[in-house]
Amino acid sequence: MTTLAERLTQAHTRIDNAAKAANRAPDEIMLLAVSKTKPAGMIAEAYAAGCRNFGENYLQEALDKVAELTDKNDIVWHFIGPLQSNKTRPAAETFAWVHTVDRLKIAQRLNDQRPPAMAALNVCLQVNISNEPSKSGVSVAELPQLADAVSKMPNLRLRGLMAIPAESDDPLEQRSAFAALRHALTELQQQHPQMDTLSMGMSGDMDAAILEGSTMVRIGTAIFGTRT
């Protein structure tokens, strides 16, 4: 039975190996520990093992954990779940990153509700890269218009793109979806050179994501175990 600290080390090793296979520097890729449904005690354990970036999917659960872990004031909290317009205020007031901006209304509310004393909120635009009807996300065709609007919002910092491709065990299919997201970012960077983030890859497909340029992999199961 491995400890959480050992699983965290294994995840870092996997990132390092995938980066080397892609001729990339491992420090180009951030490990975002996805702690949804896990208790604050496990986050504290990961924190003690050196992790500082944590991703949460469910707003109220996340707010409770943030309140419980206020003594660890260098944690960087990322919101990576769907965000309803009536829940944007606590997200704007709490998180350093929101990865799931997929429409103008959400972006505008986050901008307007970001406290003036806080640094600009880092945002990624969520892309429905596999065009799945059941998934959130803007289409690639709609990206330029949304990126232009978000880039003008003073309390938001447009950082990049996020996607959750259709599930596949085929590494070539995995890479194809991630390559499409990378290409979309490259296109946007011509107008928005500040965009530097590809939030893509999870426990099951992080190797393919890193090969295609991911700068942030969202790892939950491989660190914390299966959801309870």
Protein backbone atom coordinates (compact mmCIF):
# COMPACT_ATOMS: atom_id res chain seq x y z
CA MET A 1 0.00 0.00 0.00
CA THR A 2 1.64 3.23 -1.12
CA THR A 3 1.36 6.46 0.81
CA LEU A 4 0.01 9.66 -0.67
CA ALA A 5 3.50 11.14 -0.65
CA GLU A 6 4.80 8.14 -2.60
CA ARG A 7 2.00 8.43 -5.15
CA LEU A 8 2.77 12.12 -5.53
CA THR A 9 6.42 11.27 -6.19
CA GLN A 10 5.33 8.65 -8.74
CA ALA A 11 3.17 11.24 -10.51
CA HIS A 12 6.11 13.65 -10.70
CA THR A 13 8.30 10.85 -12.07
CA ARG A 14 5.70 10.10 -14.73
CA ILE A 15 5.63 13.77 -15.71
CA ASP A 16 9.44 13.85 -15.87
CA ASN A 17 9.58 10.75 -18.07
CA ALA A 18 6.87 12.04 -20.43
CA ALA A 19 8.62 15.40 -20.67
CA LYS A 20 11.92 13.73 -21.56
CA ALA A 21 10.15 11.65 -24.22
CA ALA A 22 8.85 14.91 -25.70
CA ASN A 23 12.26 16.63 -25.45
CA ARG A 24 10.80 19.08 -22.96
CA ALA A 25 12.01 20.33 -19.60
CA PRO A 26 9.98 18.76 -16.77
CA ASP A 27 9.68 22.12 -15.02
CA GLU A 28 7.55 23.36 -17.96
CA ILE A 29 4.71 21.19 -16.68
CA MET A 30 2.77 21.90 -13.48
CA LEU A 31 1.15 19.10 -11.53
CA LEU A 32 -2.29 20.24 -10.45
CA ALA A 33 -3.52 17.90 -7.72
CA VAL A 34 -7.26 17.36 -8.18
CA SER A 35 -8.66 16.96 -4.70
CA LYS A 36 -12.41 16.88 -5.41
CA THR A 37 -14.40 14.69 -2.97
CA LYS A 38 -11.28 14.23 -0.84
CA PRO A 39 -11.13 15.62 2.71
CA ALA A 40 -9.05 18.60 3.71
CA GLY A 41 -6.79 16.25 5.65
CA MET A 42 -5.62 14.62 2.44
CA ILE A 43 -4.90 18.03 0.94
CA ALA A 44 -2.84 18.83 4.04
CA GLU A 45 -0.97 15.56 3.53
CA ALA A 46 -0.20 16.43 -0.09
CA TYR A 47 0.80 19.92 1.02
CA ALA A 48 3.26 18.44 3.52
CA ALA A 49 4.73 16.42 0.62
CA GLY A 50 5.37 19.63 -1.32
CA CYS A 51 2.24 20.13 -3.42
CA ARG A 52 0.92 23.69 -3.64
CA ASN A 53 -1.55 23.73 -6.56
CA PHE A 54 -4.93 22.08 -5.94
CA GLY A 55 -7.93 21.77 -8.26
CA GLU A 56 -11.53 21.56 -7.08
CA ASN A 57 -14.69 20.81 -9.10
CA TYR A 58 -17.51 21.51 -6.66
CA LEU A 59 -17.81 25.05 -5.41
CA GLN A 60 -19.29 24.62 -1.94
CA GLU A 61 -17.02 21.68 -1.15
CA ALA A 62 -14.06 23.77 -2.26
CA LEU A 63 -15.06 26.78 -0.18
CA ASP A 64 -15.30 24.58 2.92
CA LYS A 65 -11.79 23.23 2.31
CA VAL A 66 -10.34 26.68 1.68
CA ALA A 67 -11.80 27.84 4.99
CA GLU A 68 -10.39 24.80 6.79
CA LEU A 69 -6.90 25.28 5.35
CA THR A 70 -6.44 29.03 5.79
CA ASP A 71 -3.19 28.42 7.71
CA LYS A 72 -1.64 27.14 4.47
CA ASN A 73 -1.79 30.51 2.80
CA ASP A 74 0.53 29.66 -0.09
CA ILE A 75 -1.87 27.10 -1.56
CA VAL A 76 -2.91 28.10 -5.08
CA TRP A 77 -6.55 27.14 -5.57
CA HIS A 78 -7.83 26.28 -9.05
CA PHE A 79 -11.51 25.91 -9.92
CA ILE A 80 -11.83 23.26 -12.63
CA GLY A 81 -15.52 22.35 -12.54
CA PRO A 82 -18.60 23.74 -14.30
CA LEU A 83 -19.50 27.18 -13.04
CA GLN A 84 -23.08 28.44 -12.99
CA SER A 85 -23.63 32.16 -13.35
CA ASN A 86 -25.25 32.43 -9.91
CA LYS A 87 -22.10 30.94 -8.31
CA THR A 88 -19.50 33.22 -9.87
CA ARG A 89 -19.10 35.60 -6.92
CA PRO A 90 -17.58 33.13 -4.44
CA ALA A 91 -15.38 31.77 -7.23
CA ALA A 92 -14.17 35.27 -8.07
CA GLU A 93 -13.51 36.00 -4.41
CA THR A 94 -11.67 32.78 -3.61
CA PHE A 95 -9.69 31.22 -6.44
CA ALA A 96 -6.45 32.16 -8.16
CA TRP A 97 -7.45 30.29 -11.34
CA VAL A 98 -10.69 29.34 -13.09
CA HIS A 99 -10.19 26.82 -15.91
CA THR A 100 -13.78 26.55 -17.12
CA VAL A 101 -14.75 29.88 -18.69
CA ASP A 102 -16.85 28.87 -21.67
CA ARG A 103 -19.10 31.86 -22.30
CA LEU A 104 -19.00 35.61 -22.12
CA LYS A 105 -21.54 35.92 -19.31
CA ILE A 106 -19.39 33.87 -16.93
CA ALA A 107 -16.27 35.86 -17.81
CA GLN A 108 -18.02 39.20 -17.34
CA ARG A 109 -19.40 38.20 -13.94
CA LEU A 110 -16.01 36.92 -12.75
CA ASN A 111 -14.42 40.18 -13.87
CA ASP A 112 -17.04 42.36 -12.20
CA GLN A 113 -17.01 40.36 -8.96
CA ARG A 114 -13.24 40.03 -8.53
CA PRO A 115 -12.29 42.02 -5.41
CA PRO A 116 -10.13 45.06 -6.28
CA ALA A 117 -7.53 44.13 -3.67
CA MET A 118 -6.87 40.75 -5.31
CA ALA A 119 -4.60 40.10 -8.27
CA ALA A 120 -6.29 39.54 -11.61
CA LEU A 121 -7.98 36.15 -11.83
CA ASN A 122 -6.13 33.72 -14.11
CA VAL A 123 -8.60 32.15 -16.53
CA CYS A 124 -8.52 29.42 -19.13
CA LEU A 125 -11.17 29.08 -21.80
CA GLN A 126 -12.73 25.63 -21.79
CA VAL A 127 -12.91 24.11 -25.26
CA ASN A 128 -15.19 21.25 -26.28
CA ILE A 129 -12.36 19.86 -28.37
CA SER A 130 -14.14 16.57 -29.23
CA ASN A 131 -17.47 18.29 -30.01
CA GLU A 132 -19.38 16.16 -27.52
CA PRO A 133 -22.99 17.30 -26.97
CA SER A 134 -22.83 16.32 -23.30
CA LYS A 135 -19.73 18.40 -22.54
CA SER A 136 -19.31 22.04 -21.66
CA GLY A 137 -16.94 24.21 -23.62
CA VAL A 138 -16.76 26.67 -26.44
CA SER A 139 -16.17 25.44 -29.98
CA VAL A 140 -12.83 26.13 -31.66
CA ALA A 141 -14.64 28.37 -34.14
CA GLU A 142 -16.01 30.53 -31.32
CA LEU A 143 -12.70 30.83 -29.48
CA PRO A 144 -11.31 34.00 -31.12
CA GLN A 145 -14.36 36.10 -30.26
CA LEU A 146 -14.43 34.93 -26.63
CA ALA A 147 -10.67 35.36 -26.23
CA ASP A 148 -10.85 38.91 -27.59
CA ALA A 149 -13.58 39.83 -25.11
CA VAL A 150 -11.88 38.23 -22.09
CA SER A 151 -8.53 39.79 -22.89
CA LYS A 152 -10.09 43.25 -22.49
CA MET A 153 -11.42 42.57 -18.98
CA PRO A 154 -9.16 44.32 -16.46
CA ASN A 155 -9.73 41.92 -13.55
CA LEU A 156 -9.09 38.77 -15.57
CA ARG A 157 -5.81 37.47 -16.95
CA LEU A 158 -6.35 35.32 -20.02
CA ARG A 159 -3.84 32.49 -19.61
CA GLY A 160 -4.80 29.71 -21.99
CA LEU A 161 -7.07 26.82 -22.88
CA MET A 162 -8.47 23.81 -21.08
CA ALA A 163 -10.15 20.70 -22.45
CA ILE A 164 -11.39 17.28 -21.42
CA PRO A 165 -11.35 15.25 -24.65
CA ALA A 166 -13.56 12.26 -25.32
CA GLU A 167 -12.33 9.31 -23.29
CA SER A 168 -10.08 6.94 -25.20
CA ASP A 169 -7.51 4.27 -24.38
CA ASP A 170 -5.83 4.78 -27.76
CA PRO A 171 -2.71 6.97 -27.36
CA LEU A 172 -3.01 8.16 -30.97
CA GLU A 173 -6.60 9.31 -30.44
CA GLN A 174 -5.57 10.98 -27.19
CA ARG A 175 -2.74 12.82 -28.92
CA SER A 176 -4.98 13.91 -31.80
CA ALA A 177 -7.38 15.72 -29.47
CA PHE A 178 -4.57 17.36 -27.52
CA ALA A 179 -2.82 18.39 -30.72
CA ALA A 180 -6.02 20.13 -31.83
CA LEU A 181 -6.08 22.13 -28.59
CA ARG A 182 -2.40 23.02 -28.97
CA HIS A 183 -3.06 24.22 -32.52
CA ALA A 184 -5.97 26.34 -31.27
CA LEU A 185 -3.70 27.98 -28.70
CA THR A 186 -1.01 28.63 -31.30
CA GLU A 187 -3.56 30.40 -33.48
CA LEU A 188 -4.79 32.54 -30.59
CA GLN A 189 -1.27 33.47 -29.53
CA GLN A 190 -0.88 35.51 -32.71
CA GLN A 191 -3.36 38.01 -31.22
CA HIS A 192 -2.86 37.16 -27.55
CA PRO A 193 0.82 36.36 -26.96
CA GLN A 194 0.29 36.36 -23.19
CA MET A 195 -1.57 33.05 -23.43
CA ASP A 196 0.88 30.47 -22.12
CA THR A 197 -1.17 27.65 -20.61
CA LEU A 198 -2.54 24.35 -21.91
CA SER A 199 -4.51 22.74 -19.09
CA MET A 200 -4.89 19.25 -20.49
CA GLY A 201 -4.22 15.70 -19.43
CA MET A 202 -5.42 13.67 -16.45
CA SER A 203 -4.34 10.46 -14.76
CA GLY A 204 -5.33 8.30 -17.75
CA ASP A 205 -3.93 10.39 -20.61
CA MET A 206 -1.30 12.72 -19.15
CA ASP A 207 1.55 11.15 -21.16
CA ALA A 208 -0.17 11.94 -24.47
CA ALA A 209 -1.03 15.44 -23.24
CA ILE A 210 2.58 16.19 -22.33
CA LEU A 211 3.77 14.93 -25.70
CA GLU A 212 1.41 17.46 -27.28
CA GLY A 213 2.49 20.44 -25.18
CA SER A 214 0.48 20.41 -21.95
CA THR A 215 1.76 22.88 -19.38
CA MET A 216 -0.60 21.75 -16.59
CA VAL A 217 -1.81 18.20 -15.96
CA ARG A 218 -4.80 17.69 -13.67
CA ILE A 219 -4.06 14.57 -11.61
CA GLY A 220 -6.51 13.19 -9.09
CA THR A 221 -6.85 9.42 -9.03
CA ALA A 222 -3.12 8.73 -9.38
CA ILE A 223 -2.47 10.79 -6.21
CA PHE A 224 -5.56 10.55 -4.06
CA GLY A 225 -7.03 7.25 -5.24
CA THR A 226 -10.46 6.61 -6.71
CA ARG A 227 -13.35 8.87 -5.77
CA THR A 228 -15.45 7.82 -2.84
